[in-house]
Amino acid sequence: MESSELRIGNYTLDHGHPEQIPYGSDIDSAGLMEPIKLTADWLNKFGFEKFDFEYEEGIEITYVLEKKNGHQFVLSDDFQPMDGEIAMLDYKLLYVHQLQNLYFCLTAEELVVKP
């Protein structure tokens, strides 16, 4: 991983175990860390709720994180950020730290594992 991809608080694999980066100096050893693949389990840990919508064409799955101000942060079933039913970006999120960084950029809030 490149240090430019990481921020304090990002989750990465350190020696095979998920760990949060506690200090800026730890980012310097990014080459020793591995990214954590984004999964539905990780979304659940962050507080996302899974919704299944049945249409004539099939089932659509979305993951929604309700925010305190009534807004929602929505991902498609393949982890593409969405605005309603429209994809916001041309790429899909692959790793946990990418989701954390995008969430912070859009909300100015940290995305952390819920207790």
PDB file of N, CA and C in Angstrom:
ATOM      1  N   MET A   1       0.843  -1.175   0.000  1.00  0.00           N
ATOM      2  CA  MET A   1       0.000   0.000   0.000  1.00  0.00           C
ATOM      3  C   MET A   1       0.887   1.237   0.000  1.00  0.00           C
ATOM      4  N   GLU A   2       0.362   2.303  -0.541  1.00  0.00           N
ATOM      5  CA  GLU A   2       1.066   3.582  -0.552  1.00  0.00           C
ATOM      6  C   GLU A   2       0.629   4.421   0.647  1.00  0.00           C
ATOM      7  N   SER A   3       1.564   5.114   1.249  1.00  0.00           N
ATOM      8  CA  SER A   3       1.238   5.936   2.413  1.00  0.00           C
ATOM      9  C   SER A   3       0.251   7.048   2.052  1.00  0.00           C
ATOM     10  N   SER A   4       0.254   7.490   0.801  1.00  0.00           N
ATOM     11  CA  SER A   4      -0.655   8.556   0.379  1.00  0.00           C
ATOM     12  C   SER A   4      -2.122   8.129   0.400  1.00  0.00           C
ATOM     13  N   GLU A   5      -2.384   6.817   0.471  1.00  0.00           N
ATOM     14  CA  GLU A   5      -3.754   6.298   0.506  1.00  0.00           C
ATOM     15  C   GLU A   5      -4.343   6.309   1.907  1.00  0.00           C
ATOM     16  N   LEU A   6      -3.510   6.512   2.929  1.00  0.00           N
ATOM     17  CA  LEU A   6      -3.944   6.270   4.301  1.00  0.00           C
ATOM     18  C   LEU A   6      -4.058   7.529   5.136  1.00  0.00           C
ATOM     19  N   ARG A   7      -4.920   7.433   6.147  1.00  0.00           N
ATOM     20  CA  ARG A   7      -5.111   8.483   7.144  1.00  0.00           C
ATOM     21  C   ARG A   7      -5.121   7.826   8.517  1.00  0.00           C
ATOM     22  N   ILE A   8      -4.893   8.628   9.543  1.00  0.00           N
ATOM     23  CA  ILE A   8      -5.042   8.137  10.902  1.00  0.00           C
ATOM     24  C   ILE A   8      -6.481   7.661  11.062  1.00  0.00           C
ATOM     25  N   GLY A   9      -6.660   6.490  11.644  1.00  0.00           N
ATOM     26  CA  GLY A   9      -7.994   5.925  11.842  1.00  0.00           C
ATOM     27  C   GLY A   9      -8.388   4.901  10.802  1.00  0.00           C
ATOM     28  N   ASN A  10      -7.660   4.835   9.678  1.00  0.00           N
ATOM     29  CA  ASN A  10      -7.978   3.824   8.668  1.00  0.00           C
ATOM     30  C   ASN A  10      -7.702   2.428   9.225  1.00  0.00           C
ATOM     31  N   TYR A  11      -8.548   1.484   8.808  1.00  0.00           N
ATOM     32  CA  TYR A  11      -8.331   0.079   9.151  1.00  0.00           C
ATOM     33  C   TYR A  11      -7.505  -0.571   8.058  1.00  0.00           C
ATOM     34  N   THR A  12      -6.466  -1.304   8.452  1.00  0.00           N
ATOM     35  CA  THR A  12      -5.637  -2.065   7.530  1.00  0.00           C
ATOM     36  C   THR A  12      -5.318  -3.398   8.187  1.00  0.00           C
ATOM     37  N   LEU A  13      -4.737  -4.304   7.413  1.00  0.00           N
ATOM     38  CA  LEU A  13      -4.255  -5.565   7.971  1.00  0.00           C
ATOM     39  C   LEU A  13      -2.797  -5.380   8.352  1.00  0.00           C
ATOM     40  N   ASP A  14      -2.510  -5.588   9.613  1.00  0.00           N
ATOM     41  CA  ASP A  14      -1.142  -5.510  10.110  1.00  0.00           C
ATOM     42  C   ASP A  14      -0.776  -6.901  10.612  1.00  0.00           C
ATOM     43  N   HIS A  15       0.118  -7.553   9.895  1.00  0.00           N
ATOM     44  CA  HIS A  15       0.481  -8.945  10.197  1.00  0.00           C
ATOM     45  C   HIS A  15      -0.755  -9.849  10.205  1.00  0.00           C
ATOM     46  N   GLY A  16      -1.677  -9.593   9.271  1.00  0.00           N
ATOM     47  CA  GLY A  16      -2.859 -10.422   9.105  1.00  0.00           C
ATOM     48  C   GLY A  16      -4.028 -10.095  10.008  1.00  0.00           C
ATOM     49  N   HIS A  17      -3.886  -9.091  10.869  1.00  0.00           N
ATOM     50  CA  HIS A  17      -4.957  -8.724  11.797  1.00  0.00           C
ATOM     51  C   HIS A  17      -5.453  -7.312  11.494  1.00  0.00           C
ATOM     52  N   PRO A  18      -6.785  -7.113  11.498  1.00  0.00           N
ATOM     53  CA  PRO A  18      -7.304  -5.758  11.273  1.00  0.00           C
ATOM     54  C   PRO A  18      -6.909  -4.838  12.424  1.00  0.00           C
ATOM     55  N   GLU A  19      -6.315  -3.716  12.085  1.00  0.00           N
ATOM     56  CA  GLU A  19      -5.883  -2.722  13.068  1.00  0.00           C
ATOM     57  C   GLU A  19      -6.199  -1.339  12.531  1.00  0.00           C
ATOM     58  N   GLN A  20      -6.497  -0.416  13.434  1.00  0.00           N
ATOM     59  CA  GLN A  20      -6.658   0.980  13.060  1.00  0.00           C
ATOM     60  C   GLN A  20      -5.307   1.669  13.161  1.00  0.00           C
ATOM     61  N   ILE A  21      -5.023   2.561  12.229  1.00  0.00           N
ATOM     62  CA  ILE A  21      -3.774   3.317  12.276  1.00  0.00           C
ATOM     63  C   ILE A  21      -3.921   4.385  13.362  1.00  0.00           C
ATOM     64  N   PRO A  22      -3.122   4.285  14.461  1.00  0.00           N
ATOM     65  CA  PRO A  22      -3.301   5.211  15.577  1.00  0.00           C
ATOM     66  C   PRO A  22      -2.513   6.516  15.453  1.00  0.00           C
ATOM     67  N   TYR A  23      -1.380   6.484  14.758  1.00  0.00           N
ATOM     68  CA  TYR A  23      -0.496   7.652  14.698  1.00  0.00           C
ATOM     69  C   TYR A  23      -0.063   7.918  13.274  1.00  0.00           C
ATOM     70  N   GLY A  24       0.220   9.173  12.984  1.00  0.00           N
ATOM     71  CA  GLY A  24       0.710   9.529  11.656  1.00  0.00           C
ATOM     72  C   GLY A  24       2.005   8.835  11.308  1.00  0.00           C
ATOM     73  N   SER A  25       2.853   8.614  12.288  1.00  0.00           N
ATOM     74  CA  SER A  25       4.135   7.951  12.014  1.00  0.00           C
ATOM     75  C   SER A  25       3.933   6.502  11.556  1.00  0.00           C
ATOM     76  N   ASP A  26       2.801   5.892  11.930  1.00  0.00           N
ATOM     77  CA  ASP A  26       2.526   4.522  11.483  1.00  0.00           C
ATOM     78  C   ASP A  26       2.246   4.464   9.991  1.00  0.00           C
ATOM     79  N   ILE A  27       1.796   5.560   9.423  1.00  0.00           N
ATOM     80  CA  ILE A  27       1.512   5.602   7.988  1.00  0.00           C
ATOM     81  C   ILE A  27       2.800   5.411   7.185  1.00  0.00           C
ATOM     82  N   ASP A  28       3.930   5.800   7.776  1.00  0.00           N
ATOM     83  CA  ASP A  28       5.212   5.629   7.099  1.00  0.00           C
ATOM     84  C   ASP A  28       5.524   4.166   6.800  1.00  0.00           C
ATOM     85  N   SER A  29       4.935   3.250   7.552  1.00  0.00           N
ATOM     86  CA  SER A  29       5.187   1.826   7.313  1.00  0.00           C
ATOM     87  C   SER A  29       4.050   1.195   6.504  1.00  0.00           C
ATOM     88  N   ALA A  30       3.410   1.982   5.672  1.00  0.00           N
ATOM     89  CA  ALA A  30       2.286   1.502   4.862  1.00  0.00           C
ATOM     90  C   ALA A  30       2.683   0.324   3.983  1.00  0.00           C
ATOM     91  N   GLY A  31       3.944   0.269   3.582  1.00  0.00           N
ATOM     92  CA  GLY A  31       4.407  -0.829   2.745  1.00  0.00           C
ATOM     93  C   GLY A  31       4.321  -2.178   3.430  1.00  0.00           C
ATOM     94  N   LEU A  32       4.250  -2.177   4.743  1.00  0.00           N
ATOM     95  CA  LEU A  32       4.149  -3.419   5.505  1.00  0.00           C
ATOM     96  C   LEU A  32       2.702  -3.810   5.778  1.00  0.00           C
ATOM     97  N   MET A  33       1.767  -2.912   5.472  1.00  0.00           N
ATOM     98  CA  MET A  33       0.349  -3.163   5.716  1.00  0.00           C
ATOM     99  C   MET A  33      -0.325  -3.651   4.442  1.00  0.00           C
ATOM    100  N   GLU A  34      -1.446  -4.324   4.633  1.00  0.00           N
ATOM    101  CA  GLU A  34      -2.253  -4.768   3.505  1.00  0.00           C
ATOM    102  C   GLU A  34      -3.638  -4.146   3.626  1.00  0.00           C
ATOM    103  N   PRO A  35      -4.275  -3.854   2.506  1.00  0.00           N
ATOM    104  CA  PRO A  35      -5.637  -3.325   2.577  1.00  0.00           C
ATOM    105  C   PRO A  35      -6.606  -4.429   2.993  1.00  0.00           C
ATOM    106  N   ILE A  36      -7.712  -4.033   3.601  1.00  0.00           N
ATOM    107  CA  ILE A  36      -8.769  -4.967   3.970  1.00  0.00           C
ATOM    108  C   ILE A  36      -9.830  -4.911   2.882  1.00  0.00           C
ATOM    109  N   LYS A  37     -10.148  -6.062   2.314  1.00  0.00           N
ATOM    110  CA  LYS A  37     -11.174  -6.121   1.270  1.00  0.00           C
ATOM    111  C   LYS A  37     -12.516  -5.700   1.859  1.00  0.00           C
ATOM    112  N   LEU A  38     -13.205  -4.804   1.167  1.00  0.00           N
ATOM    113  CA  LEU A  38     -14.515  -4.337   1.602  1.00  0.00           C
ATOM    114  C   LEU A  38     -15.540  -5.449   1.391  1.00  0.00           C
ATOM    115  N   THR A  39     -16.286  -5.770   2.428  1.00  0.00           N
ATOM    116  CA  THR A  39     -17.308  -6.821   2.379  1.00  0.00           C
ATOM    117  C   THR A  39     -18.583  -6.314   3.054  1.00  0.00           C
ATOM    118  N   ALA A  40     -19.651  -7.060   2.879  1.00  0.00           N
ATOM    119  CA  ALA A  40     -20.906  -6.737   3.554  1.00  0.00           C
ATOM    120  C   ALA A  40     -20.722  -6.794   5.072  1.00  0.00           C
ATOM    121  N   ASP A  41     -19.871  -7.683   5.561  1.00  0.00           N
ATOM    122  CA  ASP A  41     -19.617  -7.755   7.004  1.00  0.00           C
ATOM    123  C   ASP A  41     -19.004  -6.458   7.522  1.00  0.00           C
ATOM    124  N   TRP A  42     -18.066  -5.877   6.764  1.00  0.00           N
ATOM    125  CA  TRP A  42     -17.471  -4.605   7.180  1.00  0.00           C
ATOM    126  C   TRP A  42     -18.505  -3.493   7.150  1.00  0.00           C
ATOM    127  N   LEU A  43     -19.368  -3.486   6.143  1.00  0.00           N
ATOM    128  CA  LEU A  43     -20.423  -2.465   6.096  1.00  0.00           C
ATOM    129  C   LEU A  43     -21.317  -2.579   7.322  1.00  0.00           C
ATOM    130  N   ASN A  44     -21.638  -3.791   7.706  1.00  0.00           N
ATOM    131  CA  ASN A  44     -22.448  -4.020   8.895  1.00  0.00           C
ATOM    132  C   ASN A  44     -21.745  -3.478  10.148  1.00  0.00           C
ATOM    133  N   LYS A  45     -20.443  -3.704  10.244  1.00  0.00           N
ATOM    134  CA  LYS A  45     -19.673  -3.195  11.393  1.00  0.00           C
ATOM    135  C   LYS A  45     -19.733  -1.670  11.471  1.00  0.00           C
ATOM    136  N   PHE A  46     -19.774  -1.015  10.323  1.00  0.00           N
ATOM    137  CA  PHE A  46     -19.835   0.449  10.287  1.00  0.00           C
ATOM    138  C   PHE A  46     -21.252   0.984  10.500  1.00  0.00           C
ATOM    139  N   GLY A  47     -22.243   0.088  10.550  1.00  0.00           N
ATOM    140  CA  GLY A  47     -23.608   0.527  10.803  1.00  0.00           C
ATOM    141  C   GLY A  47     -24.494   0.615   9.573  1.00  0.00           C
ATOM    142  N   PHE A  48     -24.012   0.147   8.417  1.00  0.00           N
ATOM    143  CA  PHE A  48     -24.839   0.143   7.215  1.00  0.00           C
ATOM    144  C   PHE A  48     -25.943  -0.902   7.362  1.00  0.00           C
ATOM    145  N   GLU A  49     -27.089  -0.599   6.768  1.00  0.00           N
ATOM    146  CA  GLU A  49     -28.200  -1.532   6.754  1.00  0.00           C
ATOM    147  C   GLU A  49     -28.408  -2.013   5.320  1.00  0.00           C
ATOM    148  N   LYS A  50     -28.641  -3.298   5.166  1.00  0.00           N
ATOM    149  CA  LYS A  50     -28.846  -3.890   3.842  1.00  0.00           C
ATOM    150  C   LYS A  50     -30.326  -3.840   3.490  1.00  0.00           C
ATOM    151  N   PHE A  51     -30.613  -3.401   2.255  1.00  0.00           N
ATOM    152  CA  PHE A  51     -31.989  -3.358   1.756  1.00  0.00           C
ATOM    153  C   PHE A  51     -32.063  -4.143   0.450  1.00  0.00           C
ATOM    154  N   ASP A  52     -33.078  -4.998   0.346  1.00  0.00           N
ATOM    155  CA  ASP A  52     -33.351  -5.752  -0.873  1.00  0.00           C
ATOM    156  C   ASP A  52     -34.603  -5.179  -1.510  1.00  0.00           C
ATOM    157  N   PHE A  53     -34.485  -4.775  -2.770  1.00  0.00           N
ATOM    158  CA  PHE A  53     -35.633  -4.264  -3.516  1.00  0.00           C
ATOM    159  C   PHE A  53     -35.906  -5.212  -4.674  1.00  0.00           C
ATOM    160  N   GLU A  54     -37.154  -5.666  -4.768  1.00  0.00           N
ATOM    161  CA  GLU A  54     -37.511  -6.590  -5.831  1.00  0.00           C
ATOM    162  C   GLU A  54     -38.198  -5.832  -6.957  1.00  0.00           C
ATOM    163  N   TYR A  55     -37.650  -5.981  -8.150  1.00  0.00           N
ATOM    164  CA  TYR A  55     -38.197  -5.370  -9.355  1.00  0.00           C
ATOM    165  C   TYR A  55     -38.499  -6.470 -10.356  1.00  0.00           C
ATOM    166  N   GLU A  56     -39.193  -6.114 -11.440  1.00  0.00           N
ATOM    167  CA  GLU A  56     -39.468  -7.096 -12.491  1.00  0.00           C
ATOM    168  C   GLU A  56     -38.175  -7.667 -13.064  1.00  0.00           C
ATOM    169  N   GLU A  57     -37.129  -6.819 -13.117  1.00  0.00           N
ATOM    170  CA  GLU A  57     -35.851  -7.237 -13.691  1.00  0.00           C
ATOM    171  C   GLU A  57     -35.026  -8.092 -12.731  1.00  0.00           C
ATOM    172  N   GLY A  58     -35.398  -8.117 -11.464  1.00  0.00           N
ATOM    173  CA  GLY A  58     -34.648  -8.885 -10.477  1.00  0.00           C
ATOM    174  C   GLY A  58     -34.564  -8.150  -9.158  1.00  0.00           C
ATOM    175  N   ILE A  59     -33.647  -8.569  -8.340  1.00  0.00           N
ATOM    176  CA  ILE A  59     -33.477  -7.982  -7.010  1.00  0.00           C
ATOM    177  C   ILE A  59     -32.289  -7.031  -7.023  1.00  0.00           C
ATOM    178  N   GLU A  60     -32.496  -5.865  -6.420  1.00  0.00           N
ATOM    179  CA  GLU A  60     -31.404  -4.891  -6.268  1.00  0.00           C
ATOM    180  C   GLU A  60     -31.101  -4.778  -4.780  1.00  0.00           C
ATOM    181  N   ILE A  61     -29.825  -4.847  -4.460  1.00  0.00           N
ATOM    182  CA  ILE A  61     -29.391  -4.743  -3.069  1.00  0.00           C
ATOM    183  C   ILE A  61     -28.634  -3.436  -2.902  1.00  0.00           C
ATOM    184  N   THR A  62     -28.960  -2.700  -1.849  1.00  0.00           N
ATOM    185  CA  THR A  62     -28.199  -1.500  -1.505  1.00  0.00           C
ATOM    186  C   THR A  62     -27.864  -1.550  -0.022  1.00  0.00           C
ATOM    187  N   TYR A  63     -26.816  -0.830   0.330  1.00  0.00           N
ATOM    188  CA  TYR A  63     -26.387  -0.692   1.717  1.00  0.00           C
ATOM    189  C   TYR A  63     -26.503   0.787   2.067  1.00  0.00           C
ATOM    190  N   VAL A  64     -27.207   1.085   3.157  1.00  0.00           N
ATOM    191  CA  VAL A  64     -27.511   2.464   3.511  1.00  0.00           C
ATOM    192  C   VAL A  64     -27.041   2.747   4.933  1.00  0.00           C
ATOM    193  N   LEU A  65     -26.344   3.869   5.079  1.00  0.00           N
ATOM    194  CA  LEU A  65     -25.960   4.358   6.395  1.00  0.00           C
ATOM    195  C   LEU A  65     -26.742   5.637   6.635  1.00  0.00           C
ATOM    196  N   GLU A  66     -27.643   5.593   7.607  1.00  0.00           N
ATOM    197  CA  GLU A  66     -28.444   6.765   7.960  1.00  0.00           C
ATOM    198  C   GLU A  66     -27.577   7.722   8.761  1.00  0.00           C
ATOM    199  N   LYS A  67     -27.611   8.996   8.400  1.00  0.00           N
ATOM    200  CA  LYS A  67     -26.850  10.005   9.131  1.00  0.00           C
ATOM    201  C   LYS A  67     -27.780  10.766  10.069  1.00  0.00           C
ATOM    202  N   LYS A  68     -27.208  11.393  11.058  1.00  0.00           N
ATOM    203  CA  LYS A  68     -27.984  12.115  12.061  1.00  0.00           C
ATOM    204  C   LYS A  68     -28.850  13.215  11.457  1.00  0.00           C
ATOM    205  N   ASN A  69     -28.378  13.831  10.376  1.00  0.00           N
ATOM    206  CA  ASN A  69     -29.108  14.947   9.770  1.00  0.00           C
ATOM    207  C   ASN A  69     -30.190  14.484   8.796  1.00  0.00           C
ATOM    208  N   GLY A  70     -30.448  13.176   8.734  1.00  0.00           N
ATOM    209  CA  GLY A  70     -31.490  12.652   7.864  1.00  0.00           C
ATOM    210  C   GLY A  70     -30.996  12.254   6.482  1.00  0.00           C
ATOM    211  N   HIS A  71     -29.770  12.608   6.144  1.00  0.00           N
ATOM    212  CA  HIS A  71     -29.207  12.200   4.864  1.00  0.00           C
ATOM    213  C   HIS A  71     -28.738  10.759   4.941  1.00  0.00           C
ATOM    214  N   GLN A  72     -28.529  10.180   3.775  1.00  0.00           N
ATOM    215  CA  GLN A  72     -28.087   8.791   3.707  1.00  0.00           C
ATOM    216  C   GLN A  72     -26.809   8.692   2.887  1.00  0.00           C
ATOM    217  N   PHE A  73     -25.971   7.751   3.267  1.00  0.00           N
ATOM    218  CA  PHE A  73     -24.792   7.391   2.489  1.00  0.00           C
ATOM    219  C   PHE A  73     -25.103   6.009   1.922  1.00  0.00           C
ATOM    220  N   VAL A  74     -25.155   5.896   0.592  1.00  0.00           N
ATOM    221  CA  VAL A  74     -25.661   4.687  -0.054  1.00  0.00           C
ATOM    222  C   VAL A  74     -24.599   4.061  -0.956  1.00  0.00           C
ATOM    223  N   LEU A  75     -24.498   2.716  -0.862  1.00  0.00           N
ATOM    224  CA  LEU A  75     -23.627   1.940  -1.742  1.00  0.00           C
ATOM    225  C   LEU A  75     -24.459   0.877  -2.444  1.00  0.00           C
ATOM    226  N   SER A  76     -24.110   0.587  -3.686  1.00  0.00           N
ATOM    227  CA  SER A  76     -24.771  -0.501  -4.402  1.00  0.00           C
ATOM    228  C   SER A  76     -24.244  -1.838  -3.874  1.00  0.00           C
ATOM    229  N   ASP A  77     -24.804  -2.930  -4.377  1.00  0.00           N
ATOM    230  CA  ASP A  77     -24.365  -4.250  -3.916  1.00  0.00           C
ATOM    231  C   ASP A  77     -22.930  -4.571  -4.304  1.00  0.00           C
ATOM    232  N   ASP A  78     -22.394  -3.844  -5.283  1.00  0.00           N
ATOM    233  CA  ASP A  78     -20.981  -4.040  -5.644  1.00  0.00           C
ATOM    234  C   ASP A  78     -20.118  -2.876  -5.150  1.00  0.00           C
ATOM    235  N   PHE A  79     -20.616  -2.191  -4.110  1.00  0.00           N
ATOM    236  CA  PHE A  79     -19.885  -1.153  -3.380  1.00  0.00           C
ATOM    237  C   PHE A  79     -19.552   0.075  -4.223  1.00  0.00           C
ATOM    238  N   GLN A  80     -20.485   0.450  -5.071  1.00  0.00           N
ATOM    239  CA  GLN A  80     -20.349   1.683  -5.835  1.00  0.00           C
ATOM    240  C   GLN A  80     -21.179   2.759  -5.144  1.00  0.00           C
ATOM    241  N   PRO A  81     -20.563   3.893  -4.789  1.00  0.00           N
ATOM    242  CA  PRO A  81     -21.316   4.974  -4.138  1.00  0.00           C
ATOM    243  C   PRO A  81     -22.446   5.456  -5.047  1.00  0.00           C
ATOM    244  N   MET A  82     -23.616   5.693  -4.438  1.00  0.00           N
ATOM    245  CA  MET A  82     -24.795   6.055  -5.214  1.00  0.00           C
ATOM    246  C   MET A  82     -25.452   7.304  -4.660  1.00  0.00           C
ATOM    247  N   ASP A  83     -26.136   8.001  -5.542  1.00  0.00           N
ATOM    248  CA  ASP A  83     -26.998   9.117  -5.158  1.00  0.00           C
ATOM    249  C   ASP A  83     -28.396   8.713  -5.622  1.00  0.00           C
ATOM    250  N   GLY A  84     -29.182   8.216  -4.692  1.00  0.00           N
ATOM    251  CA  GLY A  84     -30.466   7.640  -5.078  1.00  0.00           C
ATOM    252  C   GLY A  84     -30.209   6.363  -5.850  1.00  0.00           C
ATOM    253  N   GLU A  85     -30.677   6.319  -7.090  1.00  0.00           N
ATOM    254  CA  GLU A  85     -30.466   5.136  -7.924  1.00  0.00           C
ATOM    255  C   GLU A  85     -29.366   5.350  -8.950  1.00  0.00           C
ATOM    256  N   ILE A  86     -28.646   6.461  -8.848  1.00  0.00           N
ATOM    257  CA  ILE A  86     -27.622   6.796  -9.837  1.00  0.00           C
ATOM    258  C   ILE A  86     -26.239   6.673  -9.205  1.00  0.00           C
ATOM    259  N   ALA A  87     -25.326   6.020  -9.896  1.00  0.00           N
ATOM    260  CA  ALA A  87     -23.957   5.889  -9.402  1.00  0.00           C
ATOM    261  C   ALA A  87     -23.315   7.268  -9.331  1.00  0.00           C
ATOM    262  N   MET A  88     -22.656   7.552  -8.209  1.00  0.00           N
ATOM    263  CA  MET A  88     -21.981   8.843  -8.017  1.00  0.00           C
ATOM    264  C   MET A  88     -20.626   8.873  -8.688  1.00  0.00           C
ATOM    265  N   LEU A  89     -19.940   7.749  -8.691  1.00  0.00           N
ATOM    266  CA  LEU A  89     -18.565   7.681  -9.185  1.00  0.00           C
ATOM    267  C   LEU A  89     -18.447   6.593 -10.235  1.00  0.00           C
ATOM    268  N   ASP A  90     -17.383   6.663 -11.022  1.00  0.00           N
ATOM    269  CA  ASP A  90     -17.166   5.671 -12.070  1.00  0.00           C
ATOM    270  C   ASP A  90     -16.426   4.437 -11.582  1.00  0.00           C
ATOM    271  N   TYR A  91     -16.171   4.344 -10.294  1.00  0.00           N
ATOM    272  CA  TYR A  91     -15.458   3.174  -9.792  1.00  0.00           C
ATOM    273  C   TYR A  91     -16.127   2.636  -8.543  1.00  0.00           C
ATOM    274  N   LYS A  92     -15.781   1.394  -8.251  1.00  0.00           N
ATOM    275  CA  LYS A  92     -16.308   0.726  -7.076  1.00  0.00           C
ATOM    276  C   LYS A  92     -15.241   0.732  -5.988  1.00  0.00           C
ATOM    277  N   LEU A  93     -15.679   0.803  -4.762  1.00  0.00           N
ATOM    278  CA  LEU A  93     -14.754   0.748  -3.637  1.00  0.00           C
ATOM    279  C   LEU A  93     -14.333  -0.707  -3.435  1.00  0.00           C
ATOM    280  N   LEU A  94     -13.035  -0.918  -3.285  1.00  0.00           N
ATOM    281  CA  LEU A  94     -12.517  -2.273  -3.105  1.00  0.00           C
ATOM    282  C   LEU A  94     -12.096  -2.547  -1.671  1.00  0.00           C
ATOM    283  N   TYR A  95     -11.671  -1.490  -0.967  1.00  0.00           N
ATOM    284  CA  TYR A  95     -11.067  -1.681   0.348  1.00  0.00           C
ATOM    285  C   TYR A  95     -11.720  -0.796   1.404  1.00  0.00           C
ATOM    286  N   VAL A  96     -11.615  -1.246   2.653  1.00  0.00           N
ATOM    287  CA  VAL A  96     -12.197  -0.536   3.787  1.00  0.00           C
ATOM    288  C   VAL A  96     -11.660   0.883   3.891  1.00  0.00           C
ATOM    289  N   HIS A  97     -10.338   1.056   3.724  1.00  0.00           N
ATOM    290  CA  HIS A  97      -9.779   2.406   3.880  1.00  0.00           C
ATOM    291  C   HIS A  97     -10.290   3.358   2.799  1.00  0.00           C
ATOM    292  N   GLN A  98     -10.616   2.853   1.612  1.00  0.00           N
ATOM    293  CA  GLN A  98     -11.176   3.704   0.562  1.00  0.00           C
ATOM    294  C   GLN A  98     -12.549   4.218   0.979  1.00  0.00           C
ATOM    295  N   LEU A  99     -13.368   3.346   1.556  1.00  0.00           N
ATOM    296  CA  LEU A  99     -14.682   3.755   2.049  1.00  0.00           C
ATOM    297  C   LEU A  99     -14.533   4.788   3.154  1.00  0.00           C
ATOM    298  N   GLN A 100     -13.622   4.543   4.098  1.00  0.00           N
ATOM    299  CA  GLN A 100     -13.412   5.496   5.184  1.00  0.00           C
ATOM    300  C   GLN A 100     -12.986   6.860   4.654  1.00  0.00           C
ATOM    301  N   ASN A 101     -12.085   6.874   3.685  1.00  0.00           N
ATOM    302  CA  ASN A 101     -11.581   8.138   3.150  1.00  0.00           C
ATOM    303  C   ASN A 101     -12.659   8.891   2.376  1.00  0.00           C
ATOM    304  N   LEU A 102     -13.433   8.184   1.560  1.00  0.00           N
ATOM    305  CA  LEU A 102     -14.504   8.828   0.808  1.00  0.00           C
ATOM    306  C   LEU A 102     -15.561   9.374   1.761  1.00  0.00           C
ATOM    307  N   TYR A 103     -15.939   8.595   2.741  1.00  0.00           N
ATOM    308  CA  TYR A 103     -16.936   9.032   3.711  1.00  0.00           C
ATOM    309  C   TYR A 103     -16.467  10.309   4.412  1.00  0.00           C
ATOM    310  N   PHE A 104     -15.200  10.344   4.821  1.00  0.00           N
ATOM    311  CA  PHE A 104     -14.675  11.528   5.486  1.00  0.00           C
ATOM    312  C   PHE A 104     -14.690  12.738   4.547  1.00  0.00           C
ATOM    313  N   CYS A 105     -14.298  12.526   3.302  1.00  0.00           N
ATOM    314  CA  CYS A 105     -14.274  13.636   2.334  1.00  0.00           C
ATOM    315  C   CYS A 105     -15.668  14.221   2.104  1.00  0.00           C
ATOM    316  N   LEU A 106     -16.674  13.370   2.094  1.00  0.00           N
ATOM    317  CA  LEU A 106     -18.034  13.832   1.808  1.00  0.00           C
ATOM    318  C   LEU A 106     -18.787  14.352   3.019  1.00  0.00           C
ATOM    319  N   THR A 107     -18.388  13.898   4.228  1.00  0.00           N
ATOM    320  CA  THR A 107     -19.170  14.251   5.419  1.00  0.00           C
ATOM    321  C   THR A 107     -18.390  15.007   6.487  1.00  0.00           C
ATOM    322  N   ALA A 108     -17.062  15.013   6.402  1.00  0.00           N
ATOM    323  CA  ALA A 108     -16.179  15.581   7.437  1.00  0.00           C
ATOM    324  C   ALA A 108     -16.361  14.857   8.771  1.00  0.00           C
ATOM    325  N   GLU A 109     -16.781  13.610   8.704  1.00  0.00           N
ATOM    326  CA  GLU A 109     -16.932  12.764   9.888  1.00  0.00           C
ATOM    327  C   GLU A 109     -16.159  11.467   9.645  1.00  0.00           C
ATOM    328  N   GLU A 110     -15.655  10.891  10.752  1.00  0.00           N
ATOM    329  CA  GLU A 110     -14.958   9.614  10.661  1.00  0.00           C
ATOM    330  C   GLU A 110     -15.961   8.471  10.594  1.00  0.00           C
ATOM    331  N   LEU A 111     -15.661   7.476   9.795  1.00  0.00           N
ATOM    332  CA  LEU A 111     -16.460   6.263   9.728  1.00  0.00           C
ATOM    333  C   LEU A 111     -15.751   5.225  10.586  1.00  0.00           C
ATOM    334  N   VAL A 112     -16.377   4.860  11.685  1.00  0.00           N
ATOM    335  CA  VAL A 112     -15.742   3.930  12.634  1.00  0.00           C
ATOM    336  C   VAL A 112     -16.674   2.762  12.912  1.00  0.00           C
ATOM    337  N   VAL A 113     -16.086   1.690  13.380  1.00  0.00           N
ATOM    338  CA  VAL A 113     -16.846   0.505  13.750  1.00  0.00           C
ATOM    339  C   VAL A 113     -17.764   0.861  14.911  1.00  0.00           C
ATOM    340  N   LYS A 114     -19.024   0.452  14.785  1.00  0.00           N
ATOM    341  CA  LYS A 114     -20.017   0.733  15.834  1.00  0.00           C
ATOM    342  C   LYS A 114     -19.831  -0.264  16.979  1.00  0.00           C
ATOM    343  N   PRO A 115     -20.036   0.194  18.215  1.00  0.00           N
ATOM    344  CA  PRO A 115     -19.878  -0.716  19.368  1.00  0.00           C
ATOM    345  C   PRO A 115     -20.955  -1.790  19.420  1.00  0.00           C
TER     346      PRO A 115
END
